[in-house]
Each structure stands twice: as C-alpha cells, then as structure tokens.
Amino acid sequence: MGANVIWRAPMKPAGHLCALRLWVSNRWHKRSLTFKALSFALVGVVNTVVDYSVFLIAQAVYAGSPAALSLFASAAVSCRCASTATISLVAANMTSWIVAVTGSYVMNSAITFAAESGRKLRWRSYAIFFASGIVGWVANTIALVFAAEVLLLPIWLAKAIAILASFCVNFSLSHFVVFRARPQPAVDLSKDG
C-alpha cells in the first residue's frame, strides 16, 4: 500500500459522551483560569489601595513617634547605610506590605482560590503565600530597575512593566504552588448506593 492510512474503529456512544465531557471540562478550565486571573487582579487593585493607605498612615505614625524615630536613628548609626528618614520609609513600606500581603491571602483564599482552599485559612499556606509575595516583590524590583536603567524607558512605563511582572509571578505561584488543586478521592461508580 502506498499511503499510510490509519484505520479507526467507529466511536461508540459512550466514547462520544466521554469526548464531549473532556471538551466541556477543558473549556470550563480555561474559563475558570480566566476568572481566577481577573479575580486575582481585582484583589490586587484592592491591596494596592490598602498598601498605599497603610504606608501613608504608618509613615505619619512613625514620624510622630519619638520611640520609633529613636529606634530608626540608632539603626542608621549602627548600619551606616541609610539616614533615619530612609529607614523610616523602609519601615513604613514593610509595614504596609505585610498588611497588604495578609489581606491578599485572606481575599484570595475566600474568593479567587476558594475551591482549592476550601475557604479555609491555613498557617502553612499563608507562609508559602508570604514567601511567594517576596518573590513577586523581587521580580517587581528587578523589572523596574531593568526597564528604567537598562532599557531607558520612562519611569511610568517601567513601573507598569514591573507591576505586570510581579502580577505574573504572584499569580503563577498562587495558582501552581500556594492554592494548587488537591487531588480528589476516586469515586467507585461500580457500587450502588
């Protein structure tokens, strides 16, 4: 025979049903992933507002606290790496980031990854989410510096690229590591019940 012909047996009705179920499942999964990405982005918008607001409040509180200023001044003297004002900014930024990442974990557990988390907060998942947030923050900083100082893009565009980079890293780590789908127990359909 000259041509390579692959013969396939006609599909039985049960085979058509399985193929349809697989097709619907694949379409649903793609829709679900899109919903998760949008939900994750909306949670991110809320957390950006929280982060910014807490930063401003923490900055004002630290600036008005003699004890905090004394602590920052002694840290500046001992490290010889920054001024009291810089250490105060870093402290306010870290405070706001911790509040925002905690809020993000709670909202993503309850909304974005509700099916995977069972809407339950777990210390282990929180620790992994917190660590993945650090990875996202590092990706954001690297992307910002690269876009601004190597590619010489305007700061507003460099920051937009950095936000996109950290979104991709944070969503991927949340989807595949922190809130990954747990295997479901097998269901025995041969039993009547």
C-alpha atoms as a PDB file:
ATOM      1  CA  MET A   1       0.000   0.000   0.000  1.00  0.00           C
ATOM      2  CA  GLY A   2       1.361   3.383  -0.977  1.00  0.00           C
ATOM      3  CA  ALA A   3      -0.278   5.689   1.566  1.00  0.00           C
ATOM      4  CA  ASN A   4      -0.139   5.440   5.319  1.00  0.00           C
ATOM      5  CA  VAL A   5      -3.751   5.163   6.328  1.00  0.00           C
ATOM      6  CA  ILE A   6      -4.730   4.804   9.930  1.00  0.00           C
ATOM      7  CA  TRP A   7      -7.959   2.946  10.406  1.00  0.00           C
ATOM      8  CA  ARG A   8     -10.044   3.868  13.399  1.00  0.00           C
ATOM      9  CA  ALA A   9     -12.990   1.941  14.652  1.00  0.00           C
ATOM     10  CA  PRO A  10     -16.226   3.911  14.821  1.00  0.00           C
ATOM     11  CA  MET A  11     -16.702   5.561  18.211  1.00  0.00           C
ATOM     12  CA  LYS A  12     -19.409   4.080  20.438  1.00  0.00           C
ATOM     13  CA  PRO A  13     -21.966   6.401  22.056  1.00  0.00           C
ATOM     14  CA  ALA A  14     -20.136   6.141  25.388  1.00  0.00           C
ATOM     15  CA  GLY A  15     -16.946   7.298  23.630  1.00  0.00           C
ATOM     16  CA  HIS A  16     -18.775  10.328  22.217  1.00  0.00           C
ATOM     17  CA  LEU A  17     -20.054  11.145  25.689  1.00  0.00           C
ATOM     18  CA  CYS A  18     -16.531  10.909  27.158  1.00  0.00           C
ATOM     19  CA  ALA A  19     -15.144  13.097  24.358  1.00  0.00           C
ATOM     20  CA  LEU A  20     -17.886  15.684  24.972  1.00  0.00           C
ATOM     21  CA  ARG A  21     -17.229  15.602  28.722  1.00  0.00           C
ATOM     22  CA  LEU A  22     -13.496  16.134  28.115  1.00  0.00           C
ATOM     23  CA  TRP A  23     -14.175  19.029  25.710  1.00  0.00           C
ATOM     24  CA  VAL A  24     -16.553  20.724  28.199  1.00  0.00           C
ATOM     25  CA  SER A  25     -14.076  20.158  31.032  1.00  0.00           C
ATOM     26  CA  ASN A  26     -11.247  21.774  29.022  1.00  0.00           C
ATOM     27  CA  ARG A  27     -13.430  24.770  28.117  1.00  0.00           C
ATOM     28  CA  TRP A  28     -14.563  25.158  31.738  1.00  0.00           C
ATOM     29  CA  HIS A  29     -10.961  25.002  32.962  1.00  0.00           C
ATOM     30  CA  LYS A  30      -9.903  27.786  30.556  1.00  0.00           C
ATOM     31  CA  ARG A  31     -12.884  29.897  31.695  1.00  0.00           C
ATOM     32  CA  SER A  32     -12.029  29.152  35.314  1.00  0.00           C
ATOM     33  CA  LEU A  33      -8.410  30.221  34.810  1.00  0.00           C
ATOM     34  CA  THR A  34      -9.545  33.489  33.203  1.00  0.00           C
ATOM     35  CA  PHE A  35     -11.922  34.135  36.119  1.00  0.00           C
ATOM     36  CA  LYS A  36      -9.117  33.424  38.584  1.00  0.00           C
ATOM     37  CA  ALA A  37      -6.733  35.805  36.816  1.00  0.00           C
ATOM     38  CA  LEU A  38      -9.360  38.585  36.775  1.00  0.00           C
ATOM     39  CA  SER A  39     -10.292  37.950  40.389  1.00  0.00           C
ATOM     40  CA  PHE A  40      -6.607  37.930  41.372  1.00  0.00           C
ATOM     41  CA  ALA A  41      -6.146  41.251  39.555  1.00  0.00           C
ATOM     42  CA  LEU A  42      -9.150  42.812  41.350  1.00  0.00           C
ATOM     43  CA  VAL A  43      -7.823  41.627  44.706  1.00  0.00           C
ATOM     44  CA  GLY A  44      -4.505  43.185  43.672  1.00  0.00           C
ATOM     45  CA  VAL A  45      -6.200  46.529  42.991  1.00  0.00           C
ATOM     46  CA  VAL A  46      -7.819  46.468  46.443  1.00  0.00           C
ATOM     47  CA  ASN A  47      -4.479  45.544  48.008  1.00  0.00           C
ATOM     48  CA  THR A  48      -2.702  48.337  46.161  1.00  0.00           C
ATOM     49  CA  VAL A  49      -5.100  50.820  47.768  1.00  0.00           C
ATOM     50  CA  VAL A  50      -4.610  49.146  51.170  1.00  0.00           C
ATOM     51  CA  ASP A  51      -0.821  49.119  50.742  1.00  0.00           C
ATOM     52  CA  TYR A  52      -0.715  52.811  49.794  1.00  0.00           C
ATOM     53  CA  SER A  53      -3.108  53.870  52.578  1.00  0.00           C
ATOM     54  CA  VAL A  54      -1.335  51.884  55.302  1.00  0.00           C
ATOM     55  CA  PHE A  55       2.003  53.225  54.043  1.00  0.00           C
ATOM     56  CA  LEU A  56       0.837  56.830  54.466  1.00  0.00           C
ATOM     57  CA  ILE A  57      -0.618  56.114  57.916  1.00  0.00           C
ATOM     58  CA  ALA A  58       2.490  54.212  59.089  1.00  0.00           C
ATOM     59  CA  GLN A  59       4.749  56.957  57.780  1.00  0.00           C
ATOM     60  CA  ALA A  60       2.784  59.586  59.731  1.00  0.00           C
ATOM     61  CA  VAL A  61       2.700  57.441  62.893  1.00  0.00           C
ATOM     62  CA  TYR A  62       6.436  56.710  62.757  1.00  0.00           C
ATOM     63  CA  ALA A  63       7.261  60.375  62.077  1.00  0.00           C
ATOM     64  CA  GLY A  64       5.243  61.385  65.160  1.00  0.00           C
ATOM     65  CA  SER A  65       6.665  58.717  67.462  1.00  0.00           C
ATOM     66  CA  PRO A  66       9.802  59.674  69.403  1.00  0.00           C
ATOM     67  CA  ALA A  67      10.406  55.986  70.231  1.00  0.00           C
ATOM     68  CA  ALA A  68      10.237  54.937  66.568  1.00  0.00           C
ATOM     69  CA  LEU A  69      12.457  57.825  65.469  1.00  0.00           C
ATOM     70  CA  SER A  70      14.991  56.927  68.164  1.00  0.00           C
ATOM     71  CA  LEU A  71      14.996  53.297  67.001  1.00  0.00           C
ATOM     72  CA  PHE A  72      15.435  54.340  63.356  1.00  0.00           C
ATOM     73  CA  ALA A  73      18.240  56.768  64.296  1.00  0.00           C
ATOM     74  CA  SER A  74      20.133  54.074  66.194  1.00  0.00           C
ATOM     75  CA  ALA A  75      19.658  51.660  63.270  1.00  0.00           C
ATOM     76  CA  ALA A  76      21.007  54.313  60.883  1.00  0.00           C
ATOM     77  CA  VAL A  77      24.054  54.917  63.068  1.00  0.00           C
ATOM     78  CA  SER A  78      24.827  51.205  63.527  1.00  0.00           C
ATOM     79  CA  CYS A  79      24.465  50.201  59.871  1.00  0.00           C
ATOM     80  CA  ARG A  80      25.905  53.402  58.371  1.00  0.00           C
ATOM     81  CA  CYS A  81      23.870  52.557  55.279  1.00  0.00           C
ATOM     82  CA  ALA A  82      20.978  54.995  55.380  1.00  0.00           C
ATOM     83  CA  SER A  83      19.552  58.024  57.101  1.00  0.00           C
ATOM     84  CA  THR A  84      16.873  57.973  59.798  1.00  0.00           C
ATOM     85  CA  ALA A  85      14.358  59.228  57.209  1.00  0.00           C
ATOM     86  CA  THR A  86      15.248  56.402  54.791  1.00  0.00           C
ATOM     87  CA  ILE A  87      14.918  53.745  57.488  1.00  0.00           C
ATOM     88  CA  SER A  88      11.574  55.267  58.470  1.00  0.00           C
ATOM     89  CA  LEU A  89      10.387  54.993  54.854  1.00  0.00           C
ATOM     90  CA  VAL A  90      11.564  51.386  54.625  1.00  0.00           C
ATOM     91  CA  ALA A  91       9.787  50.557  57.914  1.00  0.00           C
ATOM     92  CA  ALA A  92       6.533  52.167  56.710  1.00  0.00           C
ATOM     93  CA  ASN A  93       6.832  50.348  53.376  1.00  0.00           C
ATOM     94  CA  MET A  94       7.448  46.983  55.080  1.00  0.00           C
ATOM     95  CA  THR A  95       4.515  47.562  57.441  1.00  0.00           C
ATOM     96  CA  SER A  96       2.157  48.338  54.572  1.00  0.00           C
ATOM     97  CA  TRP A  97       3.440  45.383  52.506  1.00  0.00           C
ATOM     98  CA  ILE A  98       2.832  42.940  55.408  1.00  0.00           C
ATOM     99  CA  VAL A  99      -0.717  44.245  55.883  1.00  0.00           C
ATOM    100  CA  ALA A 100      -1.393  44.091  52.129  1.00  0.00           C
ATOM    101  CA  VAL A 101       0.025  40.586  51.624  1.00  0.00           C
ATOM    102  CA  THR A 102      -2.018  39.334  54.593  1.00  0.00           C
ATOM    103  CA  GLY A 103      -5.192  40.896  53.168  1.00  0.00           C
ATOM    104  CA  SER A 104      -4.371  39.445  49.771  1.00  0.00           C
ATOM    105  CA  TYR A 105      -4.035  35.959  51.262  1.00  0.00           C
ATOM    106  CA  VAL A 106      -7.399  36.239  53.038  1.00  0.00           C
ATOM    107  CA  MET A 107      -9.235  37.585  49.951  1.00  0.00           C
ATOM    108  CA  ASN A 108      -7.628  35.121  47.550  1.00  0.00           C
ATOM    109  CA  SER A 109      -8.430  32.219  49.895  1.00  0.00           C
ATOM    110  CA  ALA A 110     -12.051  33.326  50.124  1.00  0.00           C
ATOM    111  CA  ILE A 111     -12.639  34.384  46.510  1.00  0.00           C
ATOM    112  CA  THR A 112     -10.049  33.635  43.827  1.00  0.00           C
ATOM    113  CA  PHE A 113      -8.911  30.211  45.019  1.00  0.00           C
ATOM    114  CA  ALA A 114     -11.975  29.298  47.110  1.00  0.00           C
ATOM    115  CA  ALA A 115     -12.316  25.852  45.517  1.00  0.00           C
ATOM    116  CA  GLU A 116      -8.695  24.975  46.182  1.00  0.00           C
ATOM    117  CA  SER A 117      -8.529  26.399  49.715  1.00  0.00           C
ATOM    118  CA  GLY A 118     -11.996  25.354  50.826  1.00  0.00           C
ATOM    119  CA  ARG A 119     -12.241  28.962  52.007  1.00  0.00           C
ATOM    120  CA  LYS A 120     -10.064  27.983  54.962  1.00  0.00           C
ATOM    121  CA  LEU A 121      -7.094  29.965  56.196  1.00  0.00           C
ATOM    122  CA  ARG A 122      -4.059  27.834  56.991  1.00  0.00           C
ATOM    123  CA  TRP A 123      -0.770  28.969  58.554  1.00  0.00           C
ATOM    124  CA  ARG A 124       1.276  26.821  56.147  1.00  0.00           C
ATOM    125  CA  SER A 125      -0.496  28.254  53.085  1.00  0.00           C
ATOM    126  CA  TYR A 126      -0.095  31.756  54.500  1.00  0.00           C
ATOM    127  CA  ALA A 127       3.661  31.225  54.987  1.00  0.00           C
ATOM    128  CA  ILE A 128       4.009  29.963  51.400  1.00  0.00           C
ATOM    129  CA  PHE A 129       1.885  32.870  50.120  1.00  0.00           C
ATOM    130  CA  PHE A 130       4.012  35.322  52.115  1.00  0.00           C
ATOM    131  CA  ALA A 131       7.223  33.828  50.681  1.00  0.00           C
ATOM    132  CA  SER A 132       5.802  33.927  47.155  1.00  0.00           C
ATOM    133  CA  GLY A 133       4.914  37.587  47.751  1.00  0.00           C
ATOM    134  CA  ILE A 134       8.575  38.251  48.482  1.00  0.00           C
ATOM    135  CA  VAL A 135       9.453  36.583  45.172  1.00  0.00           C
ATOM    136  CA  GLY A 136       6.897  38.835  43.439  1.00  0.00           C
ATOM    137  CA  TRP A 137       8.354  41.908  45.142  1.00  0.00           C
ATOM    138  CA  VAL A 138      11.847  40.915  43.962  1.00  0.00           C
ATOM    139  CA  ALA A 139      10.544  40.352  40.395  1.00  0.00           C
ATOM    140  CA  ASN A 140       8.877  43.767  40.539  1.00  0.00           C
ATOM    141  CA  THR A 141      12.083  45.478  41.671  1.00  0.00           C
ATOM    142  CA  ILE A 142      14.285  43.715  39.089  1.00  0.00           C
ATOM    143  CA  ALA A 143      11.836  44.507  36.269  1.00  0.00           C
ATOM    144  CA  LEU A 144      11.609  48.151  37.378  1.00  0.00           C
ATOM    145  CA  VAL A 145      15.374  48.662  37.510  1.00  0.00           C
ATOM    146  CA  PHE A 146      15.941  46.811  34.219  1.00  0.00           C
ATOM    147  CA  ALA A 147      13.209  48.720  32.364  1.00  0.00           C
ATOM    148  CA  ALA A 148      14.244  52.121  33.761  1.00  0.00           C
ATOM    149  CA  GLU A 149      18.030  51.847  33.782  1.00  0.00           C
ATOM    150  CA  VAL A 150      18.861  49.347  31.023  1.00  0.00           C
ATOM    151  CA  LEU A 151      16.024  49.869  28.548  1.00  0.00           C
ATOM    152  CA  LEU A 152      15.851  53.582  29.496  1.00  0.00           C
ATOM    153  CA  LEU A 153      12.047  53.579  29.497  1.00  0.00           C
ATOM    154  CA  PRO A 154      10.121  56.384  31.216  1.00  0.00           C
ATOM    155  CA  ILE A 155       9.526  55.644  34.904  1.00  0.00           C
ATOM    156  CA  TRP A 156       5.733  55.373  34.499  1.00  0.00           C
ATOM    157  CA  LEU A 157       6.170  52.696  31.795  1.00  0.00           C
ATOM    158  CA  ALA A 158       8.926  50.928  33.737  1.00  0.00           C
ATOM    159  CA  LYS A 159       6.650  50.764  36.799  1.00  0.00           C
ATOM    160  CA  ALA A 160       3.780  49.408  34.667  1.00  0.00           C
ATOM    161  CA  ILE A 161       6.083  46.669  33.348  1.00  0.00           C
ATOM    162  CA  ALA A 162       7.217  45.920  36.900  1.00  0.00           C
ATOM    163  CA  ILE A 163       3.613  45.597  38.086  1.00  0.00           C
ATOM    164  CA  LEU A 164       2.871  43.224  35.198  1.00  0.00           C
ATOM    165  CA  ALA A 165       5.967  41.142  36.013  1.00  0.00           C
ATOM    166  CA  SER A 166       5.039  40.818  39.682  1.00  0.00           C
ATOM    167  CA  PHE A 167       1.409  40.034  38.767  1.00  0.00           C
ATOM    168  CA  CYS A 168       2.570  37.149  36.530  1.00  0.00           C
ATOM    169  CA  VAL A 169       4.928  35.802  39.195  1.00  0.00           C
ATOM    170  CA  ASN A 170       2.438  36.194  42.064  1.00  0.00           C
ATOM    171  CA  PHE A 171      -0.476  34.673  40.118  1.00  0.00           C
ATOM    172  CA  SER A 172       1.633  31.741  38.891  1.00  0.00           C
ATOM    173  CA  LEU A 173       2.960  30.987  42.368  1.00  0.00           C
ATOM    174  CA  SER A 174      -0.513  31.312  43.880  1.00  0.00           C
ATOM    175  CA  HIS A 175      -2.134  29.123  41.218  1.00  0.00           C
ATOM    176  CA  PHE A 176       0.519  26.405  40.992  1.00  0.00           C
ATOM    177  CA  VAL A 177       2.050  26.386  44.489  1.00  0.00           C
ATOM    178  CA  VAL A 178       0.030  28.081  47.246  1.00  0.00           C
ATOM    179  CA  PHE A 179      -3.519  27.203  46.173  1.00  0.00           C
ATOM    180  CA  ARG A 180      -2.804  24.254  43.849  1.00  0.00           C
ATOM    181  CA  ALA A 181      -5.692  21.896  43.226  1.00  0.00           C
ATOM    182  CA  ARG A 182      -5.612  18.929  45.553  1.00  0.00           C
ATOM    183  CA  PRO A 183      -6.337  15.503  44.041  1.00  0.00           C
ATOM    184  CA  GLN A 184      -9.894  14.414  44.650  1.00  0.00           C
ATOM    185  CA  PRO A 185     -10.506  10.932  46.055  1.00  0.00           C
ATOM    186  CA  ALA A 186     -11.543   8.412  43.412  1.00  0.00           C
ATOM    187  CA  VAL A 187     -15.232   7.604  43.283  1.00  0.00           C
ATOM    188  CA  ASP A 188     -16.168   3.972  42.755  1.00  0.00           C
ATOM    189  CA  LEU A 189     -19.092   4.042  40.330  1.00  0.00           C
ATOM    190  CA  SER A 190     -19.470   0.265  40.370  1.00  0.00           C
ATOM    191  CA  LYS A 191     -21.136   0.349  43.792  1.00  0.00           C
ATOM    192  CA  ASP A 192     -24.827   1.036  44.028  1.00  0.00           C
ATOM    193  CA  GLY A 193     -25.530   3.458  46.652  1.00  0.00           C
END
